[in-house]
Structure formats: structure tokens, C-alpha cells
Amino acid sequence: MIYRFILISDEVDGFMREIQIDADAKFLELHKLILESCGYEDNQLTSFTICENGWEKGQEITLEEMDTDADEDSYIMAETELNEFLEDEKQHMLYTFDPLADRVFFIELSEIKTGKNLEKGKITRSVGEPPAQTLDFDEMFARNPIVDTSSVMDDEDMYGSEVDSSEIDLEGFDISDEF
């Protein structure tokens, strides 16, 4: 069987990748094809997340073995075949390509071709430029600072020297002195 996947990003309009790969291939091969299709380096702890009921997160397949709870099954890309988790057309996955910023590609298993096999997966369509592989946090904060230092209050104003109880809505609260 051949799986045809469509990848899109919510960060870049017009970005789309189509990848065809054998259903017996490992998640690691799909991972490498995604990196190749985007020109990304293989230097992030990426993962796939199988989605249930639309885009609800389910089982995660990681690049490296992670210390997880012994009660949970863990799966790594090099040992897990695609067909272990993917069996229906229109099934969804997330591919986390930037784990520090939790940035993902949305993937749909758009078609299953039965009666055919592929020895090696291939990128069959590439449209648009991918988002940057990682975010430069220093550059991002320089352009969009979280705190506007010109409006930071001094300690006295921040904590307040007095509280005007007439401005506090206490309806519905038990304000007895007993604890």
C-alpha cells in the first residue's frame, strides 16, 4: 500500500507538501522526507502525534527514546511502521518540527493506494516556502518586546500602598474572619 500525505502550516499561506511513502515504511523515513522537502536540518527532537476525532492529540511517536511513565507505551520513529497507527484516509497527524516553540505541520493521510508498493518514499509536490525551522527568540523579542519598559511601574505603584475596598466586588464571597 502507498500512503499519500498532505502537509500544511498555519504559519505560511500557500505552503503545502505532498509525500508518497509505503505503508510499511518507518516514521523515521517520513520524518526525513519532511526535512528534505523543507530544507530543514536534522537537529531537533521532532515528533509525530497521531490525532483522533479531528485534531485531538493521541499517541506520540518520538525521534529519540524519552523517559516516560512505565505505564505508557512509548514509540520511536526508527522502530514504528506507519501502518501501525495509520489505516484510514483522512486520518490526521501533527509533526512537531520546532519543539521549543511547539510549532507543527498539520498532516492528512489524503489517499491510500492499495495493490502498489514503493521501495523509497518521495516528495511528489512542493508548493510555497516553508516556515523557518526554528524561531530566533532574541530577534523576536527585539521586534516585539513582551514588556514595554517605558510603562513599568515602580514597586510602590505595582503593589499599591492602599486598597480601596469600595472598588472590590465581594458579592458571592464569604468574608468571615474564620478559616
Protein backbone atom coordinates (compact mmCIF):
# COMPACT_ATOMS: atom_id res chain seq x y z
CA MET A 1 0.00 0.00 0.00
CA ILE A 2 1.08 3.55 -0.68
CA TYR A 3 0.14 6.43 1.60
CA ARG A 4 -0.18 9.93 0.17
CA PHE A 5 0.24 12.65 2.79
CA ILE A 6 -0.52 16.37 2.52
CA LEU A 7 1.35 18.73 4.88
CA ILE A 8 0.33 22.31 5.55
CA SER A 9 1.35 25.03 8.00
CA ASP A 10 -0.81 27.55 9.82
CA GLU A 11 2.15 29.98 9.75
CA VAL A 12 2.70 30.35 6.00
CA ASP A 13 -0.03 30.86 3.42
CA GLY A 14 0.45 28.83 0.27
CA PHE A 15 2.79 26.27 1.83
CA MET A 16 1.98 22.64 1.01
CA ARG A 17 3.95 19.44 0.61
CA GLU A 18 2.77 16.11 -0.77
CA ILE A 19 4.67 12.96 0.13
CA GLN A 20 4.06 9.41 -1.03
CA ILE A 21 5.51 6.57 1.01
CA ASP A 22 4.95 2.86 1.51
CA ALA A 23 2.60 1.94 4.36
CA ASP A 24 5.28 -0.42 5.74
CA ALA A 25 7.86 2.39 5.99
CA LYS A 26 9.00 3.63 9.37
CA PHE A 27 8.04 7.05 10.72
CA LEU A 28 11.75 7.90 10.51
CA GLU A 29 11.63 7.76 6.69
CA LEU A 30 8.63 10.12 6.65
CA HIS A 31 10.46 12.42 9.07
CA LYS A 32 13.50 12.55 6.75
CA LEU A 33 11.30 13.28 3.71
CA ILE A 34 9.62 16.16 5.55
CA LEU A 35 13.01 17.63 6.48
CA GLU A 36 14.24 17.24 2.89
CA SER A 37 11.09 18.82 1.44
CA CYS A 38 11.55 21.88 3.65
CA GLY A 39 15.34 22.14 3.55
CA TYR A 40 15.49 21.67 7.34
CA GLU A 41 18.45 20.32 9.28
CA ASP A 42 18.08 17.13 11.30
CA ASN A 43 18.95 18.75 14.62
CA GLN A 44 15.64 18.99 16.51
CA LEU A 45 13.82 16.49 18.73
CA THR A 46 10.87 16.21 16.40
CA SER A 47 7.82 14.03 16.90
CA PHE A 48 4.63 12.85 15.27
CA THR A 49 1.34 12.90 17.15
CA ILE A 50 -1.49 10.74 15.89
CA CYS A 51 -4.77 12.64 16.08
CA GLU A 52 -8.14 11.23 16.97
CA ASN A 53 -11.54 12.76 16.28
CA GLY A 54 -10.23 15.50 14.01
CA TRP A 55 -7.16 17.11 15.55
CA GLU A 56 -7.37 15.81 19.15
CA LYS A 57 -3.89 14.69 20.22
CA GLY A 58 -3.36 10.99 20.74
CA GLN A 59 -0.28 8.75 20.66
CA GLU A 60 3.12 10.40 20.16
CA ILE A 61 5.97 8.85 18.15
CA THR A 62 9.29 10.47 19.04
CA LEU A 63 12.64 10.71 17.30
CA GLU A 64 14.53 9.55 20.39
CA GLU A 65 13.57 7.35 23.32
CA MET A 66 12.10 9.57 26.03
CA ASP A 67 11.87 8.83 29.74
CA THR A 68 8.18 8.20 30.06
CA ASP A 69 5.90 6.69 32.63
CA ALA A 70 6.30 2.91 32.68
CA ASP A 71 2.52 2.61 32.39
CA GLU A 72 2.55 4.31 28.97
CA ASP A 73 3.77 2.73 25.76
CA SER A 74 6.48 4.72 24.03
CA TYR A 75 7.19 4.59 20.33
CA ILE A 76 10.22 5.84 18.42
CA MET A 77 10.33 6.67 14.73
CA ALA A 78 13.09 4.22 13.79
CA GLU A 79 11.09 1.23 15.10
CA THR A 80 7.48 2.16 14.31
CA GLU A 81 5.83 1.49 10.95
CA LEU A 82 3.31 3.95 9.58
CA ASN A 83 0.63 1.27 9.22
CA GLU A 84 0.74 0.56 12.97
CA PHE A 85 -1.17 3.80 13.60
CA LEU A 86 -2.46 4.91 10.20
CA GLU A 87 -5.13 2.95 8.41
CA ASP A 88 -7.86 5.33 7.22
CA GLU A 89 -7.95 8.00 4.58
CA LYS A 90 -8.42 11.50 6.03
CA GLN A 91 -6.66 10.45 9.25
CA HIS A 92 -4.67 13.32 10.81
CA MET A 93 -1.27 13.76 12.44
CA LEU A 94 0.79 16.62 13.78
CA TYR A 95 4.51 16.82 13.07
CA THR A 96 6.31 18.94 15.67
CA PHE A 97 9.32 20.38 13.86
CA ASP A 98 10.22 23.05 16.46
CA PRO A 99 9.65 21.54 19.90
CA LEU A 100 10.88 24.57 21.88
CA ALA A 101 8.19 26.79 20.35
CA ASP A 102 5.69 23.91 19.87
CA ARG A 103 5.36 24.59 16.12
CA VAL A 104 3.78 21.93 13.93
CA PHE A 105 2.79 20.86 10.46
CA PHE A 106 -0.73 19.55 10.01
CA ILE A 107 -0.69 16.26 8.09
CA GLU A 108 -3.55 14.41 6.46
CA LEU A 109 -3.40 10.90 5.05
CA SER A 110 -5.22 12.01 1.92
CA GLU A 111 -5.15 8.77 -0.07
CA ILE A 112 -4.32 5.08 0.32
CA LYS A 113 -3.36 3.27 -2.89
CA THR A 114 -3.82 -0.45 -2.46
CA GLY A 115 -2.08 -3.08 -4.57
CA LYS A 116 1.06 -0.94 -5.04
CA ASN A 117 4.29 -0.55 -3.12
CA LEU A 118 7.13 1.97 -3.03
CA GLU A 119 10.69 0.96 -2.19
CA LYS A 120 11.51 4.51 -1.17
CA GLY A 121 9.26 7.43 -0.28
CA LYS A 122 9.20 10.52 -2.46
CA ILE A 123 8.21 14.16 -2.39
CA THR A 124 5.62 14.43 -5.15
CA ARG A 125 4.58 18.07 -4.78
CA SER A 126 6.18 21.12 -3.22
CA VAL A 127 4.36 24.46 -3.12
CA GLY A 128 5.47 27.63 -1.35
CA GLU A 129 8.22 28.38 1.12
CA PRO A 130 8.21 26.57 4.48
CA PRO A 131 8.26 28.48 7.76
CA ALA A 132 11.66 28.95 9.38
CA GLN A 133 12.72 25.73 11.10
CA THR A 134 13.24 27.42 14.46
CA LEU A 135 12.35 30.81 15.84
CA ASP A 136 15.09 33.24 16.82
CA PHE A 137 13.74 34.30 20.21
CA ASP A 138 16.24 37.17 20.62
CA GLU A 139 15.20 38.67 17.28
CA MET A 140 11.52 38.08 18.01
CA PHE A 141 11.72 39.82 21.41
CA ALA A 142 13.71 42.72 19.93
CA ARG A 143 10.90 43.38 17.45
CA ASN A 144 8.00 42.63 19.82
CA PRO A 145 9.01 43.10 23.43
CA ILE A 146 6.68 41.46 25.91
CA VAL A 147 7.12 44.21 28.48
CA ASP A 148 7.03 47.85 27.49
CA THR A 149 9.68 49.14 29.88
CA SER A 150 8.53 52.73 29.46
CA SER A 151 5.32 51.93 31.30
CA VAL A 152 6.69 49.70 34.08
CA MET A 153 5.53 50.97 37.46
CA ASP A 154 7.80 51.36 40.45
CA ASP A 155 7.34 48.94 43.35
CA GLU A 156 5.05 51.24 45.34
CA ASP A 157 2.61 51.62 42.45
CA MET A 158 2.81 47.94 41.46
CA TYR A 159 1.82 46.58 44.85
CA GLY A 160 -0.22 49.60 45.92
CA SER A 161 0.10 51.41 49.17
CA GLU A 162 -3.61 51.23 49.96
CA VAL A 163 -6.54 49.14 48.83
CA ASP A 164 -9.86 50.92 48.44
CA SER A 165 -12.36 48.24 49.49
CA SER A 166 -15.21 50.13 47.83
CA GLU A 167 -13.75 49.15 44.43
CA ILE A 168 -13.75 45.39 45.18
CA ASP A 169 -16.85 43.35 44.32
CA LEU A 170 -17.30 40.89 47.20
CA GLU A 171 -20.71 39.56 46.19
CA GLY A 172 -20.76 35.79 46.46
CA PHE A 173 -17.67 35.57 48.69
CA ASP A 174 -17.72 34.53 52.34
CA ILE A 175 -15.65 37.23 54.03
CA SER A 176 -15.85 35.89 57.58
CA ASP A 177 -12.71 36.10 59.66
CA GLU A 178 -12.72 32.35 60.38
CA PHE A 179 -10.61 29.95 58.33
